Every structure is written in C-alpha cells, then in structure tokens.
Amino acid sequence: MRGRIFELAVGAQLLQLSGELFYWREKNAEVDFVFRYQGKLYAIEVKSARRKSAKGLEVFSRQFPEAGTIILTTENFPIFSEDPIEFLTALG
C-alpha cells in the first residue's frame, strides 16, 4: 500500500506541471511515468522499497535512447517535490 500511495503522490505532482504524462508498458517491462516536457522525454520509476529494479527503465532506454531516466525514491522525493522541473532536467 505504501508504494501505491507514494506513486500517487509523484503522479499528482507531475500532473500539476505543464507537460504530458504517460504510462508505458511493453510485455513484462513497465515504467511508472513517462513525462514529456519541452520536447524532452523523462522515464520515471517510483520506488518506495529497498528493491530498486530498473528493468523497465532499461527496456525503455533501448527504445528511446534520448530519454532521461530517473529512479525516484523516498530519499530523493523531498528534492523532487521542491521543484520537479529542476529535479528532472538536472538528472535526466
């Protein structure tokens, strides 16, 4: 339940921004959020637990090598929530 709530919090913040928000899945690989902002793609995987598998990001990156990839955790969420656009553009 904690993971779903954390993912909803991230999604709510992304929805408030002036970009396009998507979910991506291909077979068994998925990315929680794909955010397009000013022509740039950001693939965002949200992880609330210690296990931080990035399989979905790896598959997405092979198909969209120009995209920035980010694993958003409870540790870096406070920085993200202060200024999501600055956070994404600095990391991705």
C-alpha atoms as a PDB file:
ATOM      1  CA  MET A   1       0.000   0.000   0.000  1.00  0.00           C
ATOM      2  CA  ARG A   2       2.847   2.385   0.818  1.00  0.00           C
ATOM      3  CA  GLY A   3       4.234   2.036  -2.708  1.00  0.00           C
ATOM      4  CA  ARG A   4       0.907   2.871  -4.327  1.00  0.00           C
ATOM      5  CA  ILE A   5       0.453   5.933  -2.154  1.00  0.00           C
ATOM      6  CA  PHE A   6       3.968   7.119  -2.948  1.00  0.00           C
ATOM      7  CA  GLU A   7       3.381   6.571  -6.668  1.00  0.00           C
ATOM      8  CA  LEU A   8       0.121   8.558  -6.466  1.00  0.00           C
ATOM      9  CA  ALA A   9       1.945  11.438  -4.757  1.00  0.00           C
ATOM     10  CA  VAL A  10       4.521  11.549  -7.543  1.00  0.00           C
ATOM     11  CA  GLY A  11       1.824  11.345 -10.223  1.00  0.00           C
ATOM     12  CA  ALA A  12      -0.156  14.157  -8.597  1.00  0.00           C
ATOM     13  CA  GLN A  13       2.897  16.419  -8.671  1.00  0.00           C
ATOM     14  CA  LEU A  14       3.622  15.586 -12.302  1.00  0.00           C
ATOM     15  CA  LEU A  15       0.006  16.289 -13.304  1.00  0.00           C
ATOM     16  CA  GLN A  16       0.346  19.836 -11.987  1.00  0.00           C
ATOM     17  CA  LEU A  17       3.181  20.592 -14.405  1.00  0.00           C
ATOM     18  CA  SER A  18       2.851  21.892 -17.953  1.00  0.00           C
ATOM     19  CA  GLY A  19       3.868  18.700 -19.719  1.00  0.00           C
ATOM     20  CA  GLU A  20       2.373  15.458 -20.993  1.00  0.00           C
ATOM     21  CA  LEU A  21       2.150  12.453 -18.706  1.00  0.00           C
ATOM     22  CA  PHE A  22       2.020   8.815 -19.853  1.00  0.00           C
ATOM     23  CA  TYR A  23       2.353   5.279 -18.562  1.00  0.00           C
ATOM     24  CA  TRP A  24       4.492   2.864 -20.600  1.00  0.00           C
ATOM     25  CA  ARG A  25       4.424  -0.925 -20.715  1.00  0.00           C
ATOM     26  CA  GLU A  26       5.755  -3.496 -23.138  1.00  0.00           C
ATOM     27  CA  LYS A  27       5.329  -7.176 -22.278  1.00  0.00           C
ATOM     28  CA  ASN A  28       6.736  -7.537 -18.734  1.00  0.00           C
ATOM     29  CA  ALA A  29       8.597  -4.218 -18.703  1.00  0.00           C
ATOM     30  CA  GLU A  30       6.934  -1.061 -17.441  1.00  0.00           C
ATOM     31  CA  VAL A  31       7.772   2.488 -16.482  1.00  0.00           C
ATOM     32  CA  ASP A  32       5.579   4.207 -13.909  1.00  0.00           C
ATOM     33  CA  PHE A  33       5.598   7.601 -15.606  1.00  0.00           C
ATOM     34  CA  VAL A  34       6.812   8.996 -18.895  1.00  0.00           C
ATOM     35  CA  PHE A  35       6.796  12.769 -18.815  1.00  0.00           C
ATOM     36  CA  ARG A  36       7.312  14.930 -21.900  1.00  0.00           C
ATOM     37  CA  TYR A  37       8.416  18.467 -21.122  1.00  0.00           C
ATOM     38  CA  GLN A  38       9.568  20.953 -23.740  1.00  0.00           C
ATOM     39  CA  GLY A  39      10.226  18.170 -26.248  1.00  0.00           C
ATOM     40  CA  LYS A  40      12.305  16.016 -23.877  1.00  0.00           C
ATOM     41  CA  LEU A  41      11.204  12.642 -22.509  1.00  0.00           C
ATOM     42  CA  TYR A  42      11.776  11.577 -18.910  1.00  0.00           C
ATOM     43  CA  ALA A  43      11.146   7.991 -17.835  1.00  0.00           C
ATOM     44  CA  ILE A  44      10.429   7.913 -14.109  1.00  0.00           C
ATOM     45  CA  GLU A  45      10.368   4.781 -11.991  1.00  0.00           C
ATOM     46  CA  VAL A  46       8.958   5.252  -8.482  1.00  0.00           C
ATOM     47  CA  LYS A  47      10.403   3.041  -5.735  1.00  0.00           C
ATOM     48  CA  SER A  48       9.366   3.143  -2.086  1.00  0.00           C
ATOM     49  CA  ALA A  49      11.084  -0.109  -1.076  1.00  0.00           C
ATOM     50  CA  ARG A  50      14.741  -1.058  -0.907  1.00  0.00           C
ATOM     51  CA  ARG A  51      14.453  -3.230  -4.013  1.00  0.00           C
ATOM     52  CA  LYS A  52      15.105  -0.893  -6.903  1.00  0.00           C
ATOM     53  CA  SER A  53      14.905  -2.977 -10.071  1.00  0.00           C
ATOM     54  CA  ALA A  54      15.237  -0.846 -13.182  1.00  0.00           C
ATOM     55  CA  LYS A  55      14.229  -3.446 -15.783  1.00  0.00           C
ATOM     56  CA  GLY A  56      11.502  -1.207 -17.228  1.00  0.00           C
ATOM     57  CA  LEU A  57      13.843   1.758 -17.498  1.00  0.00           C
ATOM     58  CA  GLU A  58      16.454  -0.371 -19.251  1.00  0.00           C
ATOM     59  CA  VAL A  59      13.965  -1.600 -21.862  1.00  0.00           C
ATOM     60  CA  PHE A  60      12.534   1.898 -22.333  1.00  0.00           C
ATOM     61  CA  SER A  61      16.030   3.366 -22.755  1.00  0.00           C
ATOM     62  CA  ARG A  62      16.856   0.938 -25.534  1.00  0.00           C
ATOM     63  CA  GLN A  63      13.757   2.056 -27.440  1.00  0.00           C
ATOM     64  CA  PHE A  64      14.058   5.745 -26.560  1.00  0.00           C
ATOM     65  CA  PRO A  65      17.784   6.438 -26.018  1.00  0.00           C
ATOM     66  CA  GLU A  66      17.204  10.202 -25.956  1.00  0.00           C
ATOM     67  CA  ALA A  67      15.046   9.953 -22.817  1.00  0.00           C
ATOM     68  CA  GLY A  68      16.338  10.822 -19.384  1.00  0.00           C
ATOM     69  CA  THR A  69      15.799   8.049 -16.850  1.00  0.00           C
ATOM     70  CA  ILE A  70      15.163   8.623 -13.175  1.00  0.00           C
ATOM     71  CA  ILE A  71      14.513   6.380 -10.186  1.00  0.00           C
ATOM     72  CA  LEU A  72      12.528   8.434  -7.706  1.00  0.00           C
ATOM     73  CA  THR A  73      12.806   7.170  -4.129  1.00  0.00           C
ATOM     74  CA  THR A  74      11.600   8.294  -0.731  1.00  0.00           C
ATOM     75  CA  GLU A  75      15.115   9.662  -0.187  1.00  0.00           C
ATOM     76  CA  ASN A  76      15.161  11.999  -3.187  1.00  0.00           C
ATOM     77  CA  PHE A  77      11.413  12.798  -3.202  1.00  0.00           C
ATOM     78  CA  PRO A  78      11.783  15.898  -0.965  1.00  0.00           C
ATOM     79  CA  ILE A  79      14.173  17.441  -3.515  1.00  0.00           C
ATOM     80  CA  PHE A  80      11.837  16.464  -6.380  1.00  0.00           C
ATOM     81  CA  SER A  81       8.790  17.950  -4.637  1.00  0.00           C
ATOM     82  CA  GLU A  82      10.500  21.329  -4.092  1.00  0.00           C
ATOM     83  CA  ASP A  83      10.935  21.902  -7.840  1.00  0.00           C
ATOM     84  CA  PRO A  84      10.051  18.896 -10.034  1.00  0.00           C
ATOM     85  CA  ILE A  85      11.131  20.531 -13.296  1.00  0.00           C
ATOM     86  CA  GLU A  86      14.553  21.493 -11.949  1.00  0.00           C
ATOM     87  CA  PHE A  87      14.978  17.996 -10.495  1.00  0.00           C
ATOM     88  CA  LEU A  88      14.080  16.263 -13.769  1.00  0.00           C
ATOM     89  CA  THR A  89      16.159  18.494 -16.018  1.00  0.00           C
ATOM     90  CA  ALA A  90      19.198  18.240 -13.725  1.00  0.00           C
ATOM     91  CA  LEU A  91      19.116  14.441 -13.568  1.00  0.00           C
ATOM     92  CA  GLY A  92      17.661  13.479 -16.911  1.00  0.00           C
END
